[in-house]
C-alpha atoms as a PDB file:
ATOM      1  CA  MET A   1    -113.683  15.426 -79.977  1.00  0.00           C
ATOM      2  CA  LYS A   2    -115.726  12.101 -80.389  1.00  0.00           C
ATOM      3  CA  VAL A   3    -114.880   9.497 -77.843  1.00  0.00           C
ATOM      4  CA  CYS A   4    -115.379   6.385 -76.844  1.00  0.00           C
ATOM      5  CA  VAL A   5    -113.989   3.700 -74.153  1.00  0.00           C
ATOM      6  CA  LEU A   6    -114.700  -0.048 -74.592  1.00  0.00           C
ATOM      7  CA  GLY A   7    -115.132  -1.714 -70.951  1.00  0.00           C
ATOM      8  CA  THR A   8    -116.530  -1.326 -67.917  1.00  0.00           C
ATOM      9  CA  GLY A   9    -114.364  -2.968 -65.781  1.00  0.00           C
ATOM     10  CA  GLN A  10    -111.715  -0.650 -63.600  1.00  0.00           C
ATOM     11  CA  MET A  11    -109.503   0.490 -65.793  1.00  0.00           C
ATOM     12  CA  ALA A  12    -111.855   1.373 -67.900  1.00  0.00           C
ATOM     13  CA  LEU A  13    -113.537   3.218 -65.160  1.00  0.00           C
ATOM     14  CA  ALA A  14    -109.762   5.102 -63.910  1.00  0.00           C
ATOM     15  CA  ILE A  15    -109.689   5.647 -67.581  1.00  0.00           C
ATOM     16  CA  LEU A  16    -113.340   7.768 -67.917  1.00  0.00           C
ATOM     17  CA  LYS A  17    -112.455   9.486 -63.940  1.00  0.00           C
ATOM     18  CA  LEU A  18    -108.983  10.983 -65.911  1.00  0.00           C
ATOM     19  CA  LEU A  19    -111.368  12.020 -69.169  1.00  0.00           C
ATOM     20  CA  GLU A  20    -114.018  13.927 -67.077  1.00  0.00           C
ATOM     21  CA  PHE A  21    -111.872  16.725 -66.451  1.00  0.00           C
ATOM     22  CA  ASN A  22    -111.476  18.038 -69.892  1.00  0.00           C
ATOM     23  CA  LEU A  23    -114.647  15.935 -71.829  1.00  0.00           C
ATOM     24  CA  LYS A  24    -118.095  16.968 -71.444  1.00  0.00           C
ATOM     25  CA  GLU A  25    -119.303  13.500 -73.348  1.00  0.00           C
ATOM     26  CA  VAL A  26    -118.220  10.218 -73.497  1.00  0.00           C
ATOM     27  CA  SER A  27    -119.464   6.460 -74.583  1.00  0.00           C
ATOM     28  CA  ILE A  28    -118.880   3.067 -73.266  1.00  0.00           C
ATOM     29  CA  TYR A  29    -119.323  -0.212 -74.654  1.00  0.00           C
ATOM     30  CA  GLY A  30    -119.252  -3.310 -73.133  1.00  0.00           C
ATOM     31  CA  ARG A  31    -121.221  -6.133 -71.716  1.00  0.00           C
ATOM     32  CA  CYS A  32    -123.105  -6.547 -68.697  1.00  0.00           C
ATOM     33  CA  SER A  33    -126.396  -4.635 -69.011  1.00  0.00           C
ATOM     34  CA  LYS A  34    -126.185  -4.252 -65.578  1.00  0.00           C
ATOM     35  CA  GLN A  35    -123.272  -2.230 -65.491  1.00  0.00           C
ATOM     36  CA  LEU A  36    -123.867  -0.433 -68.693  1.00  0.00           C
ATOM     37  CA  LYS A  37    -128.005   0.751 -66.964  1.00  0.00           C
ATOM     38  CA  GLN A  38    -125.624   2.331 -63.858  1.00  0.00           C
ATOM     39  CA  LEU A  39    -123.161   4.340 -66.068  1.00  0.00           C
ATOM     40  CA  ALA A  40    -125.764   5.623 -67.938  1.00  0.00           C
ATOM     41  CA  VAL A  41    -128.748   6.594 -65.381  1.00  0.00           C
ATOM     42  CA  TYR A  42    -126.939   7.451 -62.369  1.00  0.00           C
ATOM     43  CA  SER A  43    -122.817   7.667 -63.873  1.00  0.00           C
ATOM     44  CA  LYS A  44    -121.657   4.982 -61.732  1.00  0.00           C
ATOM     45  CA  ASN A  45    -120.106   1.131 -61.503  1.00  0.00           C
ATOM     46  CA  ASN A  46    -121.077   0.240 -58.109  1.00  0.00           C
ATOM     47  CA  LYS A  47    -119.206  -3.551 -59.214  1.00  0.00           C
ATOM     48  CA  TYR A  48    -116.091  -1.376 -58.703  1.00  0.00           C
ATOM     49  CA  PHE A  49    -115.906   1.815 -56.916  1.00  0.00           C
ATOM     50  CA  ASP A  50    -118.447   3.873 -55.518  1.00  0.00           C
ATOM     51  CA  TYR A  51    -117.705   6.912 -57.115  1.00  0.00           C
ATOM     52  CA  LYS A  52    -120.041   9.311 -59.298  1.00  0.00           C
ATOM     53  CA  PHE A  53    -118.549  10.760 -62.646  1.00  0.00           C
ATOM     54  CA  ASN A  54    -118.830  13.989 -63.989  1.00  0.00           C
ATOM     55  CA  ILE A  55    -119.262  13.757 -67.126  1.00  0.00           C
ATOM     56  CA  ASN A  56    -122.603  12.680 -69.234  1.00  0.00           C
ATOM     57  CA  ILE A  57    -122.092   8.731 -70.385  1.00  0.00           C
ATOM     58  CA  PHE A  58    -123.701   7.351 -73.325  1.00  0.00           C
ATOM     59  CA  THR A  59    -123.248   3.436 -73.003  1.00  0.00           C
ATOM     60  CA  ASN A  60    -124.118   0.895 -75.555  1.00  0.00           C
ATOM     61  CA  ASN A  61    -123.357  -2.923 -75.928  1.00  0.00           C
ATOM     62  CA  LEU A  62    -120.147  -4.386 -77.412  1.00  0.00           C
ATOM     63  CA  ASP A  63    -121.889  -5.460 -80.403  1.00  0.00           C
ATOM     64  CA  ASN A  64    -122.943  -2.500 -81.576  1.00  0.00           C
ATOM     65  CA  PHE A  65    -119.285  -1.200 -81.514  1.00  0.00           C
ATOM     66  CA  LYS A  66    -118.239   0.529 -84.867  1.00  0.00           C
ATOM     67  CA  LYS A  67    -114.618   2.380 -84.579  1.00  0.00           C
ATOM     68  CA  THR A  68    -115.616   4.950 -87.416  1.00  0.00           C
ATOM     69  CA  ARG A  69    -118.379   6.910 -85.318  1.00  0.00           C
ATOM     70  CA  TYR A  70    -115.432   7.963 -82.715  1.00  0.00           C
ATOM     71  CA  ASN A  71    -111.953   9.965 -83.437  1.00  0.00           C
ATOM     72  CA  ILE A  72    -110.403   8.652 -79.974  1.00  0.00           C
ATOM     73  CA  ILE A  73    -111.244   4.769 -78.907  1.00  0.00           C
ATOM     74  CA  PHE A  74    -109.566   4.146 -75.244  1.00  0.00           C
ATOM     75  CA  TYR A  75    -109.778   0.107 -75.641  1.00  0.00           C
ATOM     76  CA  CYS A  76    -109.499  -1.594 -71.855  1.00  0.00           C
ATOM     77  CA  LEU A  77    -110.952  -4.635 -72.018  1.00  0.00           C
ATOM     78  CA  PRO A  78    -108.619  -8.011 -71.559  1.00  0.00           C
ATOM     79  CA  VAL A  79    -106.176  -9.195 -74.047  1.00  0.00           C
ATOM     80  CA  ASN A  80    -107.388 -12.083 -75.196  1.00  0.00           C
ATOM     81  CA  CYS A  81    -111.169 -10.211 -75.845  1.00  0.00           C
ATOM     82  CA  LEU A  82    -109.083  -8.453 -79.175  1.00  0.00           C
ATOM     83  CA  GLU A  83    -110.497  -8.980 -82.241  1.00  0.00           C
ATOM     84  CA  GLU A  84    -111.001  -7.024 -85.667  1.00  0.00           C
ATOM     85  CA  LYS A  85    -112.805  -4.508 -85.665  1.00  0.00           C
ATOM     86  CA  TYR A  86    -110.278  -3.548 -82.205  1.00  0.00           C
ATOM     87  CA  TYR A  87    -107.924  -2.903 -84.470  1.00  0.00           C
ATOM     88  CA  GLY A  88    -107.156   0.343 -86.067  1.00  0.00           C
ATOM     89  CA  GLU A  89    -104.984   3.698 -86.151  1.00  0.00           C
ATOM     90  CA  ASN A  90    -107.648   6.002 -83.987  1.00  0.00           C
ATOM     91  CA  VAL A  91    -107.345   3.174 -81.066  1.00  0.00           C
ATOM     92  CA  ILE A  92    -105.126   3.417 -77.948  1.00  0.00           C
ATOM     93  CA  TYR A  93    -104.746   0.125 -75.603  1.00  0.00           C
ATOM     94  CA  THR A  94    -104.368   0.264 -72.217  1.00  0.00           C
ATOM     95  CA  CYS A  95    -104.337  -3.689 -71.975  1.00  0.00           C
ATOM     96  CA  LYS A  96    -100.925  -4.990 -70.922  1.00  0.00           C
ATOM     97  CA  GLY A  97    -100.326  -8.260 -73.040  1.00  0.00           C
ATOM     98  CA  ILE A  98    -100.603 -10.920 -76.266  1.00  0.00           C
ATOM     99  CA  LYS A  99    -103.458 -13.176 -77.417  1.00  0.00           C
ATOM    100  CA  ASP A 100    -101.735 -14.495 -80.535  1.00  0.00           C
ATOM    101  CA  GLU A 101     -99.355 -11.523 -81.885  1.00  0.00           C
ATOM    102  CA  TYR A 102     -98.006  -8.319 -80.788  1.00  0.00           C
ATOM    103  CA  LEU A 103     -99.959  -5.731 -81.357  1.00  0.00           C
ATOM    104  CA  PHE A 104     -97.063  -3.693 -83.176  1.00  0.00           C
ATOM    105  CA  ASN A 105     -97.215  -6.604 -86.002  1.00  0.00           C
ATOM    106  CA  LYS A 106    -101.056  -6.359 -86.372  1.00  0.00           C
ATOM    107  CA  THR A 107    -102.045  -3.055 -86.676  1.00  0.00           C
ATOM    108  CA  ASP A 108    -100.119   0.370 -87.291  1.00  0.00           C
ATOM    109  CA  ASN A 109    -100.605   4.270 -86.016  1.00  0.00           C
ATOM    110  CA  TYR A 110    -102.284   2.716 -83.114  1.00  0.00           C
ATOM    111  CA  GLY A 111    -101.153   3.879 -79.323  1.00  0.00           C
ATOM    112  CA  LEU A 112    -100.385   2.733 -76.168  1.00  0.00           C
ATOM    113  CA  LEU A 113    -101.489   4.331 -72.656  1.00  0.00           C
ATOM    114  CA  TYR A 114     -99.402   2.522 -70.034  1.00  0.00           C
ATOM    115  CA  GLY A 115     -97.498   3.219 -66.811  1.00  0.00           C
ATOM    116  CA  PRO A 116     -98.472   2.324 -62.991  1.00  0.00           C
ATOM    117  CA  SER A 117    -101.620   2.556 -62.174  1.00  0.00           C
ATOM    118  CA  TYR A 118    -103.746   1.093 -59.659  1.00  0.00           C
ATOM    119  CA  ALA A 119    -107.292   1.769 -61.155  1.00  0.00           C
ATOM    120  CA  SER A 120    -108.423   2.383 -57.521  1.00  0.00           C
ATOM    121  CA  GLU A 121    -106.047   5.307 -56.803  1.00  0.00           C
ATOM    122  CA  ILE A 122    -107.247   7.225 -60.072  1.00  0.00           C
ATOM    123  CA  ILE A 123    -110.611   7.036 -58.696  1.00  0.00           C
ATOM    124  CA  ASN A 124    -109.453   8.579 -55.650  1.00  0.00           C
ATOM    125  CA  ASN A 125    -107.700  11.401 -57.440  1.00  0.00           C
ATOM    126  CA  GLU A 126    -103.741   9.870 -56.529  1.00  0.00           C
ATOM    127  CA  LEU A 127    -101.184  11.812 -58.384  1.00  0.00           C
ATOM    128  CA  THR A 128    -100.601   9.258 -61.334  1.00  0.00           C
ATOM    129  CA  CYS A 129     -97.493   9.439 -64.678  1.00  0.00           C
ATOM    130  CA  LEU A 130     -97.868   7.797 -67.620  1.00  0.00           C
ATOM    131  CA  THR A 131     -96.235   6.482 -70.626  1.00  0.00           C
ATOM    132  CA  PHE A 132     -98.264   7.523 -74.434  1.00  0.00           C
ATOM    133  CA  SER A 133     -97.074   6.011 -77.195  1.00  0.00           C
ATOM    134  CA  SER A 134     -97.333   6.390 -80.629  1.00  0.00           C
ATOM    135  CA  LYS A 135     -96.161   7.587 -84.159  1.00  0.00           C
ATOM    136  CA  ASN A 136     -99.767   8.927 -85.074  1.00  0.00           C
ATOM    137  CA  GLU A 137     -99.135  12.829 -84.816  1.00  0.00           C
ATOM    138  CA  TYR A 138    -102.796  12.426 -84.368  1.00  0.00           C
ATOM    139  CA  LEU A 139    -102.777  10.391 -81.259  1.00  0.00           C
ATOM    140  CA  ASN A 140    -100.137  12.428 -79.798  1.00  0.00           C
ATOM    141  CA  ASN A 141    -101.747  15.799 -80.054  1.00  0.00           C
ATOM    142  CA  SER A 142    -105.624  14.193 -79.117  1.00  0.00           C
ATOM    143  CA  ILE A 143    -103.695  12.992 -75.597  1.00  0.00           C
ATOM    144  CA  LYS A 144    -102.460  16.120 -75.245  1.00  0.00           C
ATOM    145  CA  GLN A 145    -105.423  18.227 -75.342  1.00  0.00           C
ATOM    146  CA  LEU A 146    -107.574  15.595 -73.345  1.00  0.00           C
ATOM    147  CA  PHE A 147    -104.707  15.730 -70.758  1.00  0.00           C
ATOM    148  CA  ASN A 148    -103.987  18.761 -71.313  1.00  0.00           C
ATOM    149  CA  ASN A 149    -103.563  20.686 -67.374  1.00  0.00           C
ATOM    150  CA  HIS A 150    -104.760  17.301 -65.274  1.00  0.00           C
ATOM    151  CA  PRO A 151    -104.295  17.998 -62.017  1.00  0.00           C
ATOM    152  CA  TYR A 152    -103.523  14.226 -60.852  1.00  0.00           C
ATOM    153  CA  CYS A 153    -101.897  12.678 -64.141  1.00  0.00           C
ATOM    154  CA  LYS A 154     -98.243  13.529 -66.139  1.00  0.00           C
ATOM    155  CA  ILE A 155     -98.294  12.115 -68.919  1.00  0.00           C
ATOM    156  CA  TYR A 156     -94.771  11.102 -70.130  1.00  0.00           C
ATOM    157  CA  TYR A 157     -94.355  10.593 -74.377  1.00  0.00           C
ATOM    158  CA  THR A 158     -92.086   8.448 -76.896  1.00  0.00           C
ATOM    159  CA  LYS A 159     -92.486   6.894 -80.695  1.00  0.00           C
ATOM    160  CA  ASN A 160     -90.792   3.943 -79.218  1.00  0.00           C
ATOM    161  CA  ILE A 161     -93.933   1.738 -79.466  1.00  0.00           C
ATOM    162  CA  LYS A 162     -92.621  -1.269 -79.664  1.00  0.00           C
ATOM    163  CA  GLU A 163     -90.243  -1.388 -76.405  1.00  0.00           C
ATOM    164  CA  ILE A 164     -93.115   0.217 -74.551  1.00  0.00           C
ATOM    165  CA  GLU A 165     -95.521  -2.353 -75.408  1.00  0.00           C
ATOM    166  CA  TYR A 166     -92.473  -5.368 -74.379  1.00  0.00           C
ATOM    167  CA  TYR A 167     -92.208  -3.655 -71.153  1.00  0.00           C
ATOM    168  CA  GLY A 168     -96.136  -3.726 -70.667  1.00  0.00           C
ATOM    169  CA  ILE A 169     -96.538  -8.006 -71.252  1.00  0.00           C
ATOM    170  CA  TYR A 170     -93.172  -8.759 -68.990  1.00  0.00           C
ATOM    171  CA  LYS A 171     -94.258  -6.634 -66.354  1.00  0.00           C
ATOM    172  CA  ASN A 172     -96.921  -8.613 -65.878  1.00  0.00           C
ATOM    173  CA  ILE A 173     -94.676 -11.943 -66.171  1.00  0.00           C
ATOM    174  CA  ILE A 174     -92.061 -10.724 -63.833  1.00  0.00           C
ATOM    175  CA  SER A 175     -94.665  -9.916 -61.585  1.00  0.00           C
ATOM    176  CA  LEU A 176     -96.011 -13.181 -61.476  1.00  0.00           C
ATOM    177  CA  PHE A 177     -93.301 -14.854 -60.758  1.00  0.00           C
ATOM    178  CA  CYS A 178     -92.043 -11.952 -58.169  1.00  0.00           C
ATOM    179  CA  GLY A 179     -95.509 -13.792 -56.710  1.00  0.00           C
ATOM    180  CA  ILE A 180     -93.835 -17.668 -57.318  1.00  0.00           C
ATOM    181  CA  LEU A 181     -90.372 -16.416 -55.977  1.00  0.00           C
ATOM    182  CA  ASP A 182     -92.072 -14.519 -52.785  1.00  0.00           C
ATOM    183  CA  SER A 183     -94.475 -17.976 -52.002  1.00  0.00           C
ATOM    184  CA  LEU A 184     -91.198 -19.813 -52.275  1.00  0.00           C
ATOM    185  CA  HIS A 185     -89.059 -18.340 -49.754  1.00  0.00           C
ATOM    186  CA  PHE A 186     -86.265 -16.776 -52.122  1.00  0.00           C
ATOM    187  CA  GLY A 187     -84.574 -13.516 -50.950  1.00  0.00           C
ATOM    188  CA  LYS A 188     -84.786 -10.063 -52.002  1.00  0.00           C
ATOM    189  CA  ASN A 189     -81.517 -10.028 -54.069  1.00  0.00           C
ATOM    190  CA  THR A 190     -82.834 -13.216 -56.040  1.00  0.00           C
ATOM    191  CA  VAL A 191     -85.797 -11.643 -56.849  1.00  0.00           C
ATOM    192  CA  SER A 192     -83.954  -8.472 -57.959  1.00  0.00           C
ATOM    193  CA  TYR A 193     -82.038 -11.396 -59.964  1.00  0.00           C
ATOM    194  CA  PHE A 194     -84.647 -12.488 -61.671  1.00  0.00           C
ATOM    195  CA  ILE A 195     -86.077  -8.986 -62.426  1.00  0.00           C
ATOM    196  CA  ILE A 196     -83.195  -8.028 -64.900  1.00  0.00           C
ATOM    197  CA  PHE A 197     -83.000 -12.054 -65.892  1.00  0.00           C
ATOM    198  CA  ILE A 198     -85.961 -11.627 -67.490  1.00  0.00           C
ATOM    199  CA  LEU A 199     -85.120  -8.092 -69.158  1.00  0.00           C
ATOM    200  CA  LYS A 200     -82.600  -9.175 -70.393  1.00  0.00           C
ATOM    201  CA  SER A 201     -83.997 -11.651 -72.256  1.00  0.00           C
ATOM    202  CA  ILE A 202     -86.010  -9.419 -74.369  1.00  0.00           C
ATOM    203  CA  ASN A 203     -84.267  -8.055 -77.868  1.00  0.00           C
ATOM    204  CA  ILE A 204     -84.617  -4.082 -77.476  1.00  0.00           C
ATOM    205  CA  ASN A 205     -82.003  -1.603 -76.761  1.00  0.00           C
ATOM    206  CA  PHE A 206     -84.160  -0.088 -73.284  1.00  0.00           C
ATOM    207  CA  ASP A 207     -83.630   3.866 -74.403  1.00  0.00           C
ATOM    208  CA  ASN A 208     -87.582   4.200 -72.453  1.00  0.00           C
ATOM    209  CA  LEU A 209     -86.526   1.760 -69.439  1.00  0.00           C
ATOM    210  CA  ILE A 210     -86.873   5.789 -67.707  1.00  0.00           C
ATOM    211  CA  GLN A 211     -90.147   5.978 -67.836  1.00  0.00           C
ATOM    212  CA  PRO A 212     -93.364   5.383 -66.460  1.00  0.00           C
ATOM    213  CA  ALA A 213     -94.381   2.292 -68.615  1.00  0.00           C
ATOM    214  CA  GLY A 214     -91.184   1.122 -67.817  1.00  0.00           C
ATOM    215  CA  ILE A 215     -89.278   1.215 -64.746  1.00  0.00           C
ATOM    216  CA  GLY A 216     -92.756   2.929 -62.747  1.00  0.00           C
ATOM    217  CA  ASP A 217     -94.933  -0.315 -63.988  1.00  0.00           C
ATOM    218  CA  ILE A 218     -92.165  -3.218 -63.520  1.00  0.00           C
ATOM    219  CA  PHE A 219     -91.530  -1.630 -59.543  1.00  0.00           C
ATOM    220  CA  LEU A 220     -95.101  -1.366 -58.938  1.00  0.00           C
ATOM    221  CA  THR A 221     -96.428  -4.545 -59.854  1.00  0.00           C
ATOM    222  CA  CYS A 222     -93.820  -6.548 -58.619  1.00  0.00           C
ATOM    223  CA  SER A 223     -93.737  -4.515 -55.152  1.00  0.00           C
ATOM    224  CA  SER A 224     -96.954  -5.186 -54.060  1.00  0.00           C
ATOM    225  CA  VAL A 225     -99.211  -7.737 -53.275  1.00  0.00           C
ATOM    226  CA  LYS A 226    -102.254  -5.986 -54.768  1.00  0.00           C
ATOM    227  CA  SER A 227    -101.510  -6.695 -58.306  1.00  0.00           C
ATOM    228  CA  ARG A 228    -103.796 -10.150 -59.656  1.00  0.00           C
ATOM    229  CA  ASN A 229    -100.544 -11.319 -61.355  1.00  0.00           C
ATOM    230  CA  TYR A 230     -98.514 -11.619 -57.762  1.00  0.00           C
ATOM    231  CA  GLN A 231    -101.302 -12.803 -56.730  1.00  0.00           C
ATOM    232  CA  PHE A 232    -101.573 -15.573 -59.437  1.00  0.00           C
ATOM    233  CA  GLY A 233     -98.001 -16.532 -58.622  1.00  0.00           C
ATOM    234  CA  GLN A 234     -99.024 -16.995 -55.208  1.00  0.00           C
ATOM    235  CA  GLN A 235    -101.776 -19.703 -55.610  1.00  0.00           C
ATOM    236  CA  LEU A 236     -99.751 -21.225 -58.299  1.00  0.00           C
ATOM    237  CA  ILE A 237     -96.835 -22.403 -55.863  1.00  0.00           C
ATOM    238  CA  LEU A 238     -99.747 -22.455 -52.482  1.00  0.00           C
ATOM    239  CA  ASN A 239    -102.451 -24.927 -54.724  1.00  0.00           C
ATOM    240  CA  ASP A 240     -99.939 -26.507 -56.979  1.00  0.00           C
ATOM    241  CA  LYS A 241    -102.400 -25.524 -59.824  1.00  0.00           C
ATOM    242  CA  ILE A 242    -103.591 -22.625 -62.078  1.00  0.00           C
ATOM    243  CA  ASN A 243    -106.296 -20.482 -60.613  1.00  0.00           C
ATOM    244  CA  THR A 244    -108.833 -19.604 -63.092  1.00  0.00           C
ATOM    245  CA  ASN A 245    -110.750 -16.999 -60.660  1.00  0.00           C
ATOM    246  CA  ILE A 246    -107.891 -14.701 -61.071  1.00  0.00           C
ATOM    247  CA  LEU A 247    -107.095 -13.033 -64.992  1.00  0.00           C
ATOM    248  CA  SER A 248    -103.566 -13.228 -65.430  1.00  0.00           C
ATOM    249  CA  GLU A 249    -102.211 -11.419 -68.919  1.00  0.00           C
ATOM    250  CA  GLY A 250     -98.850 -12.301 -67.138  1.00  0.00           C
ATOM    251  CA  TYR A 251     -99.868 -16.134 -67.313  1.00  0.00           C
ATOM    252  CA  ASN A 252    -101.615 -15.508 -70.722  1.00  0.00           C
ATOM    253  CA  SER A 253     -98.585 -13.953 -72.620  1.00  0.00           C
ATOM    254  CA  ILE A 254     -96.317 -16.415 -70.467  1.00  0.00           C
ATOM    255  CA  GLN A 255     -98.460 -19.381 -72.965  1.00  0.00           C
ATOM    256  CA  ASN A 256     -98.057 -16.957 -76.496  1.00  0.00           C
ATOM    257  CA  ILE A 257     -95.134 -15.345 -76.549  1.00  0.00           C
ATOM    258  CA  LYS A 258     -93.449 -17.718 -79.034  1.00  0.00           C
ATOM    259  CA  ASP A 259     -89.873 -16.221 -79.292  1.00  0.00           C
ATOM    260  CA  ASN A 260     -88.142 -16.239 -76.118  1.00  0.00           C
ATOM    261  CA  HIS A 261     -86.223 -19.406 -74.697  1.00  0.00           C
ATOM    262  CA  VAL A 262     -86.218 -18.214 -71.224  1.00  0.00           C
ATOM    263  CA  ILE A 263     -90.203 -17.963 -71.251  1.00  0.00           C
ATOM    264  CA  ASP A 264     -90.325 -21.029 -72.558  1.00  0.00           C
ATOM    265  CA  ASN A 265     -88.410 -22.824 -69.459  1.00  0.00           C
ATOM    266  CA  LEU A 266     -91.138 -20.902 -67.587  1.00  0.00           C
ATOM    267  CA  LYS A 267     -93.837 -21.844 -69.177  1.00  0.00           C
ATOM    268  CA  TYR A 268     -92.467 -25.152 -69.183  1.00  0.00           C
ATOM    269  CA  PHE A 269     -92.625 -24.841 -64.854  1.00  0.00           C
ATOM    270  CA  ILE A 270     -95.856 -23.201 -64.849  1.00  0.00           C
ATOM    271  CA  ASN A 271     -97.678 -26.116 -67.425  1.00  0.00           C
ATOM    272  CA  ASN A 272     -95.885 -29.052 -65.044  1.00  0.00           C
ATOM    273  CA  ILE A 273     -96.058 -27.494 -61.546  1.00  0.00           C
ATOM    274  CA  ASN A 274     -97.452 -30.299 -59.787  1.00  0.00           C
ATOM    275  CA  ASN A 275     -94.646 -32.615 -60.637  1.00  0.00           C
ATOM    276  CA  TYR A 276     -92.920 -30.477 -58.558  1.00  0.00           C
ATOM    277  CA  THR A 277     -92.006 -31.074 -54.824  1.00  0.00           C
ATOM    278  CA  PHE A 278     -91.462 -27.252 -52.654  1.00  0.00           C
ATOM    279  CA  GLU A 279     -87.470 -27.670 -53.008  1.00  0.00           C
ATOM    280  CA  GLU A 280     -87.611 -29.490 -56.788  1.00  0.00           C
ATOM    281  CA  LYS A 281     -89.190 -26.002 -57.299  1.00  0.00           C
ATOM    282  CA  LYS A 282     -86.284 -23.559 -56.097  1.00  0.00           C
ATOM    283  CA  ILE A 283     -84.272 -25.838 -57.808  1.00  0.00           C
ATOM    284  CA  TYR A 284     -85.795 -25.676 -60.871  1.00  0.00           C
ATOM    285  CA  ILE A 285     -85.683 -21.260 -60.823  1.00  0.00           C
ATOM    286  CA  LEU A 286     -82.506 -21.590 -59.764  1.00  0.00           C
ATOM    287  CA  ASN A 287     -81.356 -23.661 -63.104  1.00  0.00           C
ATOM    288  CA  ILE A 288     -82.877 -21.225 -65.420  1.00  0.00           C
ATOM    289  CA  LEU A 289     -81.093 -18.469 -63.319  1.00  0.00           C
ATOM    290  CA  LYS A 290     -77.650 -20.191 -63.850  1.00  0.00           C
ATOM    291  CA  ASN A 291     -78.145 -21.322 -67.231  1.00  0.00           C
END
């Protein structure tokens, strides 16, 4: 099986770590020539982790990527990097967000590999569970082969890909606002209510809420200050402006979601954050929750 990973960041490296258990070689595509050289020569990327991968790594620039060369492609780049050549029925996405449209409206027979998974913990062999969702039987069988008997990763399967994609998008938004609510000194009762309030605003049946990509990922990103989205929310209140140095898929998703009036209200709040005093920010959030 010919497999490639798109990206050289933390999640791409975490996927590489998981693949080395059952795979002998993999191709990696990226932009940074220094990181690509390190991976090719030393089997590591010191920018993120001091770990030497136990797998043969072939590297190349993203400009040279052709999806027809591979049976399985793991897309581990940010959502905003999505373009036509990265859509296809042999692509498995780990990104969680929305660019201009939902993936389920852009492509068919793809896969999603989502779940509560800090990359650093995967590198350190912490036991991890993930959800794989696809209607493509070839992808389902390929994931079963690639993760067969893995000692540190348990895969749960579902074909309800639309619901799983929604969880990936909205858990980042919830995490961002957990950072906001904590910084505004709201109590945990209100934070818990906010999580339920946002989930209920999604037009889905929640058949797969008890999945790693559901309650597992929501718990992880909303309960830890290590989450980039949580940090983004904190900084938004502390500095009264958007911190462009923090990559926040939650912020990007809020700007791009067009079918949820609750998100419209949250978008207005974020985009006008510097117009409110501390108390006015709290009142605005409470009014959203009460209406």
